[in-house]
Amino acid sequence: MNSTPQTPDPRPVYAAAAEQLFQLISTVRPGHLDLPTPCDAYDVRALLGHVVSGARRIATVPGGGDGVGEEVPEWIGEVPAERWAKLYDEGRARVNAAWSNDAVMDAVVTVPWGSMPGRIAMAGSVMETVTHTWDLARALERDDTLDEGPAHFALAAARRALPAEGREGAPFGEARQVPEDAGVYVRLAAWLGRDPEWRIPSVEGRPGGVRGRAGRNSSENPPIA
């Protein structure tokens, strides 16, 4: 992701995006955990583990960490549905505190996707937070409740960070085509290679009862990537 003078302070957007994700996670119930999501690697349980671990990782960066060291565990064990919101709330609080110093915005930091000014690294974290919010919202069939503000920032960051084609080695598929007047979350999902029309499968007309794509059972831990 390239730095530009026009990149605004991403911290207020991160705070808004994280609040929205927290509120969404607060609606997760035990029957949701095995549902698939638009992010092929994750069912809901694994996605929650990923966003909790991701917050913990980005919180280590201003102190000199790179988000992949031993200070952040790669696995999160089995967690009851009602505990995920608290874990994420603790993670986002760490992020907000760790990045509160204005000086870190222009300092060069190292994150899992490279070394760059802090504001660019945090913009990437906003992009990830907002995208996974859409993933979870689609899985829960609540995407019509999402605030568009963070998604506009995330889409701009995504377009700066990723070319439309030639993404070999990146954890995203090729950008998909959607109408320019499509909703901003749909445009973000499409730019990041997700199926913008993805909807949760149904069983006898009802969502639920569908195993996650990884076929994970309750005794397994979700991988954190």
C-alpha atoms as a PDB file:
ATOM      1  CA  MET A   1       0.000   0.000   0.000  1.00  0.00           C
ATOM      2  CA  ASN A   2       1.635   3.226  -1.117  1.00  0.00           C
ATOM      3  CA  SER A   3       1.737   6.329   1.030  1.00  0.00           C
ATOM      4  CA  THR A   4       0.141   9.473  -0.324  1.00  0.00           C
ATOM      5  CA  PRO A   5      -0.172  12.936   1.233  1.00  0.00           C
ATOM      6  CA  GLN A   6      -3.928  12.612   0.856  1.00  0.00           C
ATOM      7  CA  THR A   7      -4.224   9.645   3.224  1.00  0.00           C
ATOM      8  CA  PRO A   8      -6.238  10.961   6.179  1.00  0.00           C
ATOM      9  CA  ASP A   9      -5.807   9.867   9.768  1.00  0.00           C
ATOM     10  CA  PRO A  10      -7.339   6.377   9.738  1.00  0.00           C
ATOM     11  CA  ARG A  11      -7.777   6.091  13.497  1.00  0.00           C
ATOM     12  CA  PRO A  12     -11.260   7.642  13.761  1.00  0.00           C
ATOM     13  CA  VAL A  13     -12.415   5.410  10.914  1.00  0.00           C
ATOM     14  CA  TYR A  14     -10.893   2.371  12.606  1.00  0.00           C
ATOM     15  CA  ALA A  15     -12.723   3.245  15.830  1.00  0.00           C
ATOM     16  CA  ALA A  16     -16.041   3.505  13.964  1.00  0.00           C
ATOM     17  CA  ALA A  17     -15.412   0.317  11.995  1.00  0.00           C
ATOM     18  CA  ALA A  18     -14.397  -1.602  15.115  1.00  0.00           C
ATOM     19  CA  GLU A  19     -17.476  -0.379  16.981  1.00  0.00           C
ATOM     20  CA  GLN A  20     -19.685  -1.596  14.157  1.00  0.00           C
ATOM     21  CA  LEU A  21     -17.953  -4.978  14.120  1.00  0.00           C
ATOM     22  CA  PHE A  22     -18.258  -5.238  17.894  1.00  0.00           C
ATOM     23  CA  GLN A  23     -21.990  -4.586  17.724  1.00  0.00           C
ATOM     24  CA  LEU A  24     -22.352  -7.220  15.031  1.00  0.00           C
ATOM     25  CA  ILE A  25     -20.336  -9.794  16.959  1.00  0.00           C
ATOM     26  CA  SER A  26     -22.607  -9.128  19.933  1.00  0.00           C
ATOM     27  CA  THR A  27     -25.475 -10.648  17.929  1.00  0.00           C
ATOM     28  CA  VAL A  28     -23.694 -13.966  17.335  1.00  0.00           C
ATOM     29  CA  ARG A  29     -25.416 -16.964  18.902  1.00  0.00           C
ATOM     30  CA  PRO A  30     -24.259 -20.605  19.222  1.00  0.00           C
ATOM     31  CA  GLY A  31     -26.208 -21.655  16.150  1.00  0.00           C
ATOM     32  CA  HIS A  32     -24.287 -19.192  13.998  1.00  0.00           C
ATOM     33  CA  LEU A  33     -20.770 -20.490  14.648  1.00  0.00           C
ATOM     34  CA  ASP A  34     -20.713 -23.192  11.987  1.00  0.00           C
ATOM     35  CA  LEU A  35     -22.253 -21.049   9.260  1.00  0.00           C
ATOM     36  CA  PRO A  36     -20.156 -20.373   6.137  1.00  0.00           C
ATOM     37  CA  THR A  37     -19.050 -16.866   5.204  1.00  0.00           C
ATOM     38  CA  PRO A  38     -18.097 -15.171   1.918  1.00  0.00           C
ATOM     39  CA  CYS A  39     -14.454 -15.540   2.977  1.00  0.00           C
ATOM     40  CA  ASP A  40     -13.804 -19.073   1.734  1.00  0.00           C
ATOM     41  CA  ALA A  41     -11.223 -19.929   4.391  1.00  0.00           C
ATOM     42  CA  TYR A  42     -13.506 -19.226   7.335  1.00  0.00           C
ATOM     43  CA  ASP A  43     -16.789 -20.234   8.837  1.00  0.00           C
ATOM     44  CA  VAL A  44     -18.197 -17.815  11.444  1.00  0.00           C
ATOM     45  CA  ARG A  45     -16.231 -19.379  14.300  1.00  0.00           C
ATOM     46  CA  ALA A  46     -12.936 -19.144  12.442  1.00  0.00           C
ATOM     47  CA  LEU A  47     -13.696 -15.620  11.210  1.00  0.00           C
ATOM     48  CA  LEU A  48     -14.258 -14.464  14.785  1.00  0.00           C
ATOM     49  CA  GLY A  49     -10.942 -15.992  15.795  1.00  0.00           C
ATOM     50  CA  HIS A  50      -9.278 -14.217  12.904  1.00  0.00           C
ATOM     51  CA  VAL A  51     -10.600 -10.742  13.726  1.00  0.00           C
ATOM     52  CA  VAL A  52      -9.792 -11.113  17.431  1.00  0.00           C
ATOM     53  CA  SER A  53      -6.252 -12.244  16.641  1.00  0.00           C
ATOM     54  CA  GLY A  54      -5.928  -9.522  14.004  1.00  0.00           C
ATOM     55  CA  ALA A  55      -6.741  -6.810  16.539  1.00  0.00           C
ATOM     56  CA  ARG A  56      -4.216  -8.243  18.974  1.00  0.00           C
ATOM     57  CA  ARG A  57      -1.583  -8.326  16.250  1.00  0.00           C
ATOM     58  CA  ILE A  58      -2.003  -4.762  14.998  1.00  0.00           C
ATOM     59  CA  ALA A  59      -1.894  -3.542  18.602  1.00  0.00           C
ATOM     60  CA  THR A  60       1.710  -4.780  18.917  1.00  0.00           C
ATOM     61  CA  VAL A  61       2.975  -2.758  15.949  1.00  0.00           C
ATOM     62  CA  PRO A  62       3.520   0.731  17.447  1.00  0.00           C
ATOM     63  CA  GLY A  63       5.659  -0.847  20.162  1.00  0.00           C
ATOM     64  CA  GLY A  64       7.995  -2.381  17.613  1.00  0.00           C
ATOM     65  CA  GLY A  65       6.220  -5.652  16.947  1.00  0.00           C
ATOM     66  CA  ASP A  66       5.418  -6.876  13.465  1.00  0.00           C
ATOM     67  CA  GLY A  67       2.100  -8.550  14.234  1.00  0.00           C
ATOM     68  CA  VAL A  68       3.402 -12.062  13.709  1.00  0.00           C
ATOM     69  CA  GLY A  69       5.706 -12.606  16.683  1.00  0.00           C
ATOM     70  CA  GLU A  70       5.388 -14.906  19.647  1.00  0.00           C
ATOM     71  CA  GLU A  71       3.566 -12.221  21.623  1.00  0.00           C
ATOM     72  CA  VAL A  72       0.421 -12.978  19.589  1.00  0.00           C
ATOM     73  CA  PRO A  73      -0.803 -16.575  19.633  1.00  0.00           C
ATOM     74  CA  GLU A  74      -1.566 -18.145  16.276  1.00  0.00           C
ATOM     75  CA  TRP A  75      -4.503 -20.099  17.667  1.00  0.00           C
ATOM     76  CA  ILE A  76      -7.532 -19.206  19.718  1.00  0.00           C
ATOM     77  CA  GLY A  77      -9.172 -22.141  21.450  1.00  0.00           C
ATOM     78  CA  GLU A  78     -12.824 -23.057  21.585  1.00  0.00           C
ATOM     79  CA  VAL A  79     -14.817 -19.996  22.684  1.00  0.00           C
ATOM     80  CA  PRO A  80     -18.519 -19.866  23.620  1.00  0.00           C
ATOM     81  CA  ALA A  81     -20.533 -17.658  21.263  1.00  0.00           C
ATOM     82  CA  GLU A  82     -21.329 -15.118  23.966  1.00  0.00           C
ATOM     83  CA  ARG A  83     -17.611 -14.588  24.750  1.00  0.00           C
ATOM     84  CA  TRP A  84     -16.505 -13.444  21.318  1.00  0.00           C
ATOM     85  CA  ALA A  85     -17.787  -9.884  21.696  1.00  0.00           C
ATOM     86  CA  LYS A  86     -15.812  -9.392  24.917  1.00  0.00           C
ATOM     87  CA  LEU A  87     -12.644 -10.758  23.340  1.00  0.00           C
ATOM     88  CA  TYR A  88     -12.998  -8.458  20.351  1.00  0.00           C
ATOM     89  CA  ASP A  89     -13.817  -5.488  22.588  1.00  0.00           C
ATOM     90  CA  GLU A  90     -10.583  -6.094  24.495  1.00  0.00           C
ATOM     91  CA  GLY A  91      -8.649  -6.377  21.220  1.00  0.00           C
ATOM     92  CA  ARG A  92      -9.937  -3.141  19.717  1.00  0.00           C
ATOM     93  CA  ALA A  93      -9.250  -1.325  23.003  1.00  0.00           C
ATOM     94  CA  ARG A  94      -5.614  -2.463  22.740  1.00  0.00           C
ATOM     95  CA  VAL A  95      -5.452  -1.138  19.182  1.00  0.00           C
ATOM     96  CA  ASN A  96      -6.926   2.258  20.052  1.00  0.00           C
ATOM     97  CA  ALA A  97      -4.534   2.666  22.993  1.00  0.00           C
ATOM     98  CA  ALA A  98      -1.450   1.449  21.122  1.00  0.00           C
ATOM     99  CA  TRP A  99      -1.998   3.810  18.165  1.00  0.00           C
ATOM    100  CA  SER A 100      -3.033   6.881  20.166  1.00  0.00           C
ATOM    101  CA  ASN A 101       0.326   8.678  19.792  1.00  0.00           C
ATOM    102  CA  ASP A 102       0.181  11.006  16.764  1.00  0.00           C
ATOM    103  CA  ALA A 103       3.872  10.432  16.041  1.00  0.00           C
ATOM    104  CA  VAL A 104       3.267   6.826  15.021  1.00  0.00           C
ATOM    105  CA  MET A 105       1.160   7.949  12.082  1.00  0.00           C
ATOM    106  CA  ASP A 106       4.233   9.028  10.125  1.00  0.00           C
ATOM    107  CA  ALA A 107       6.756   6.656  11.684  1.00  0.00           C
ATOM    108  CA  VAL A 108       7.726   3.623   9.618  1.00  0.00           C
ATOM    109  CA  VAL A 109       6.227   0.483  11.115  1.00  0.00           C
ATOM    110  CA  THR A 110       6.264  -3.163  10.121  1.00  0.00           C
ATOM    111  CA  VAL A 111       3.061  -5.118   9.688  1.00  0.00           C
ATOM    112  CA  PRO A 112       2.492  -8.584   8.180  1.00  0.00           C
ATOM    113  CA  TRP A 113       2.083  -7.027   4.714  1.00  0.00           C
ATOM    114  CA  GLY A 114       5.263  -4.910   4.772  1.00  0.00           C
ATOM    115  CA  SER A 115       6.991  -1.802   6.180  1.00  0.00           C
ATOM    116  CA  MET A 116       5.264   1.553   5.681  1.00  0.00           C
ATOM    117  CA  PRO A 117       4.156   4.727   7.474  1.00  0.00           C
ATOM    118  CA  GLY A 118       1.809   4.081  10.356  1.00  0.00           C
ATOM    119  CA  ARG A 119      -1.161   5.783   8.729  1.00  0.00           C
ATOM    120  CA  ILE A 120      -0.890   3.457   5.725  1.00  0.00           C
ATOM    121  CA  ALA A 121      -0.624   0.406   7.961  1.00  0.00           C
ATOM    122  CA  MET A 122      -3.698   1.497   9.898  1.00  0.00           C
ATOM    123  CA  ALA A 123      -5.580   2.150   6.659  1.00  0.00           C
ATOM    124  CA  GLY A 124      -4.895  -1.479   5.789  1.00  0.00           C
ATOM    125  CA  SER A 125      -6.283  -2.530   9.148  1.00  0.00           C
ATOM    126  CA  VAL A 126      -9.434  -0.504   8.462  1.00  0.00           C
ATOM    127  CA  MET A 127      -9.779  -2.259   5.112  1.00  0.00           C
ATOM    128  CA  GLU A 128      -9.511  -5.669   6.762  1.00  0.00           C
ATOM    129  CA  THR A 129     -11.890  -4.779   9.602  1.00  0.00           C
ATOM    130  CA  VAL A 130     -14.562  -3.424   7.267  1.00  0.00           C
ATOM    131  CA  THR A 131     -14.259  -6.330   4.838  1.00  0.00           C
ATOM    132  CA  HIS A 132     -14.603  -8.936   7.557  1.00  0.00           C
ATOM    133  CA  THR A 133     -17.555  -6.995   8.935  1.00  0.00           C
ATOM    134  CA  TRP A 134     -19.266  -7.513   5.578  1.00  0.00           C
ATOM    135  CA  ASP A 135     -18.289 -11.197   5.644  1.00  0.00           C
ATOM    136  CA  LEU A 136     -19.886 -11.656   9.045  1.00  0.00           C
ATOM    137  CA  ALA A 137     -22.905  -9.520   8.225  1.00  0.00           C
ATOM    138  CA  ARG A 138     -23.634 -11.556   5.092  1.00  0.00           C
ATOM    139  CA  ALA A 139     -23.311 -14.789   7.081  1.00  0.00           C
ATOM    140  CA  LEU A 140     -25.763 -13.447   9.682  1.00  0.00           C
ATOM    141  CA  GLU A 141     -27.995 -11.878   7.001  1.00  0.00           C
ATOM    142  CA  ARG A 142     -27.546  -8.446   8.575  1.00  0.00           C
ATOM    143  CA  ASP A 143     -25.619  -6.617   5.874  1.00  0.00           C
ATOM    144  CA  ASP A 144     -28.518  -4.218   5.283  1.00  0.00           C
ATOM    145  CA  THR A 145     -27.763  -2.644   8.686  1.00  0.00           C
ATOM    146  CA  LEU A 146     -24.175  -1.591   7.944  1.00  0.00           C
ATOM    147  CA  ASP A 147     -22.992   2.022   8.007  1.00  0.00           C
ATOM    148  CA  GLU A 148     -21.497   3.030   4.656  1.00  0.00           C
ATOM    149  CA  GLY A 149     -18.975   5.512   6.093  1.00  0.00           C
ATOM    150  CA  PRO A 150     -16.161   3.085   6.993  1.00  0.00           C
ATOM    151  CA  ALA A 151     -16.664   1.203   3.732  1.00  0.00           C
ATOM    152  CA  HIS A 152     -15.956   4.293   1.605  1.00  0.00           C
ATOM    153  CA  PHE A 153     -12.607   4.701   3.373  1.00  0.00           C
ATOM    154  CA  ALA A 154     -11.876   0.972   3.073  1.00  0.00           C
ATOM    155  CA  LEU A 155     -12.671   0.908  -0.643  1.00  0.00           C
ATOM    156  CA  ALA A 156     -10.347   3.844  -1.311  1.00  0.00           C
ATOM    157  CA  ALA A 157      -7.603   2.080   0.676  1.00  0.00           C
ATOM    158  CA  ALA A 158      -8.199  -1.169  -1.204  1.00  0.00           C
ATOM    159  CA  ARG A 159      -7.943   0.539  -4.583  1.00  0.00           C
ATOM    160  CA  ARG A 160      -4.652   2.159  -3.555  1.00  0.00           C
ATOM    161  CA  ALA A 161      -3.282  -1.110  -2.207  1.00  0.00           C
ATOM    162  CA  LEU A 162      -4.283  -3.600  -4.891  1.00  0.00           C
ATOM    163  CA  PRO A 163      -4.250  -3.571  -8.677  1.00  0.00           C
ATOM    164  CA  ALA A 164      -7.340  -4.858 -10.449  1.00  0.00           C
ATOM    165  CA  GLU A 165      -5.277  -7.686 -11.965  1.00  0.00           C
ATOM    166  CA  GLY A 166      -1.985  -9.431 -11.344  1.00  0.00           C
ATOM    167  CA  ARG A 167      -2.402 -10.219  -7.660  1.00  0.00           C
ATOM    168  CA  GLU A 168      -0.188 -13.294  -7.556  1.00  0.00           C
ATOM    169  CA  GLY A 169       0.901 -13.937  -3.986  1.00  0.00           C
ATOM    170  CA  ALA A 170      -1.722 -11.660  -2.452  1.00  0.00           C
ATOM    171  CA  PRO A 171      -4.460 -13.159  -0.250  1.00  0.00           C
ATOM    172  CA  PHE A 172      -7.141 -11.804  -2.594  1.00  0.00           C
ATOM    173  CA  GLY A 173      -8.629 -13.005  -5.852  1.00  0.00           C
ATOM    174  CA  GLU A 174      -8.878 -10.889  -8.970  1.00  0.00           C
ATOM    175  CA  ALA A 175     -11.298  -7.972  -8.778  1.00  0.00           C
ATOM    176  CA  ARG A 176     -14.826  -8.747  -9.933  1.00  0.00           C
ATOM    177  CA  GLN A 177     -17.037  -6.532 -12.030  1.00  0.00           C
ATOM    178  CA  VAL A 178     -20.024  -4.827 -10.426  1.00  0.00           C
ATOM    179  CA  PRO A 179     -22.013  -1.753 -11.481  1.00  0.00           C
ATOM    180  CA  GLU A 180     -20.489   1.545 -10.363  1.00  0.00           C
ATOM    181  CA  ASP A 181     -23.766   2.387  -8.650  1.00  0.00           C
ATOM    182  CA  ALA A 182     -23.691  -0.802  -6.558  1.00  0.00           C
ATOM    183  CA  GLY A 183     -23.562  -0.382  -2.799  1.00  0.00           C
ATOM    184  CA  VAL A 184     -20.168   0.507  -1.391  1.00  0.00           C
ATOM    185  CA  TYR A 185     -19.841  -2.760   0.551  1.00  0.00           C
ATOM    186  CA  VAL A 186     -20.628  -4.708  -2.611  1.00  0.00           C
ATOM    187  CA  ARG A 187     -17.982  -2.721  -4.515  1.00  0.00           C
ATOM    188  CA  LEU A 188     -15.450  -3.349  -1.735  1.00  0.00           C
ATOM    189  CA  ALA A 189     -16.170  -7.072  -1.689  1.00  0.00           C
ATOM    190  CA  ALA A 190     -15.893  -7.260  -5.468  1.00  0.00           C
ATOM    191  CA  TRP A 191     -12.595  -5.336  -5.539  1.00  0.00           C
ATOM    192  CA  LEU A 192     -11.164  -7.803  -3.018  1.00  0.00           C
ATOM    193  CA  GLY A 193     -12.217 -10.758  -5.145  1.00  0.00           C
ATOM    194  CA  ARG A 194     -15.200 -11.915  -3.128  1.00  0.00           C
ATOM    195  CA  ASP A 195     -18.472 -12.955  -4.707  1.00  0.00           C
ATOM    196  CA  PRO A 196     -20.568  -9.788  -4.275  1.00  0.00           C
ATOM    197  CA  GLU A 197     -23.766 -11.808  -4.691  1.00  0.00           C
ATOM    198  CA  TRP A 198     -22.853 -14.370  -2.039  1.00  0.00           C
ATOM    199  CA  ARG A 199     -25.718 -15.352   0.219  1.00  0.00           C
ATOM    200  CA  ILE A 200     -25.789 -17.976   2.903  1.00  0.00           C
ATOM    201  CA  PRO A 201     -27.084 -21.358   1.757  1.00  0.00           C
ATOM    202  CA  SER A 202     -30.390 -22.425   3.221  1.00  0.00           C
ATOM    203  CA  VAL A 203     -31.748 -25.704   4.477  1.00  0.00           C
ATOM    204  CA  GLU A 204     -35.466 -26.147   3.931  1.00  0.00           C
ATOM    205  CA  GLY A 205     -35.753 -22.417   3.404  1.00  0.00           C
ATOM    206  CA  ARG A 206     -34.003 -21.493   6.643  1.00  0.00           C
ATOM    207  CA  PRO A 207     -30.422 -20.302   7.152  1.00  0.00           C
ATOM    208  CA  GLY A 208     -28.408 -22.396   9.537  1.00  0.00           C
ATOM    209  CA  GLY A 209     -27.629 -26.054   9.874  1.00  0.00           C
ATOM    210  CA  VAL A 210     -24.871 -25.648   7.303  1.00  0.00           C
ATOM    211  CA  ARG A 211     -21.342 -26.684   8.171  1.00  0.00           C
ATOM    212  CA  GLY A 212     -18.539 -24.196   7.589  1.00  0.00           C
ATOM    213  CA  ARG A 213     -16.565 -24.720   4.421  1.00  0.00           C
ATOM    214  CA  ALA A 214     -13.673 -26.154   6.376  1.00  0.00           C
ATOM    215  CA  GLY A 215     -15.898 -28.860   7.889  1.00  0.00           C
ATOM    216  CA  ARG A 216     -14.688 -27.814  11.326  1.00  0.00           C
ATOM    217  CA  ASN A 217     -16.201 -29.406  14.402  1.00  0.00           C
ATOM    218  CA  SER A 218     -16.468 -27.980  17.900  1.00  0.00           C
ATOM    219  CA  SER A 219     -13.319 -29.691  19.139  1.00  0.00           C
ATOM    220  CA  GLU A 220     -11.074 -27.994  16.609  1.00  0.00           C
ATOM    221  CA  ASN A 221      -9.407 -24.606  16.924  1.00  0.00           C
ATOM    222  CA  PRO A 222      -9.835 -21.990  14.191  1.00  0.00           C
ATOM    223  CA  PRO A 223      -6.666 -21.104  12.288  1.00  0.00           C
ATOM    224  CA  ILE A 224      -5.532 -17.507  12.435  1.00  0.00           C
ATOM    225  CA  ALA A 225      -4.108 -16.131   9.192  1.00  0.00           C
END
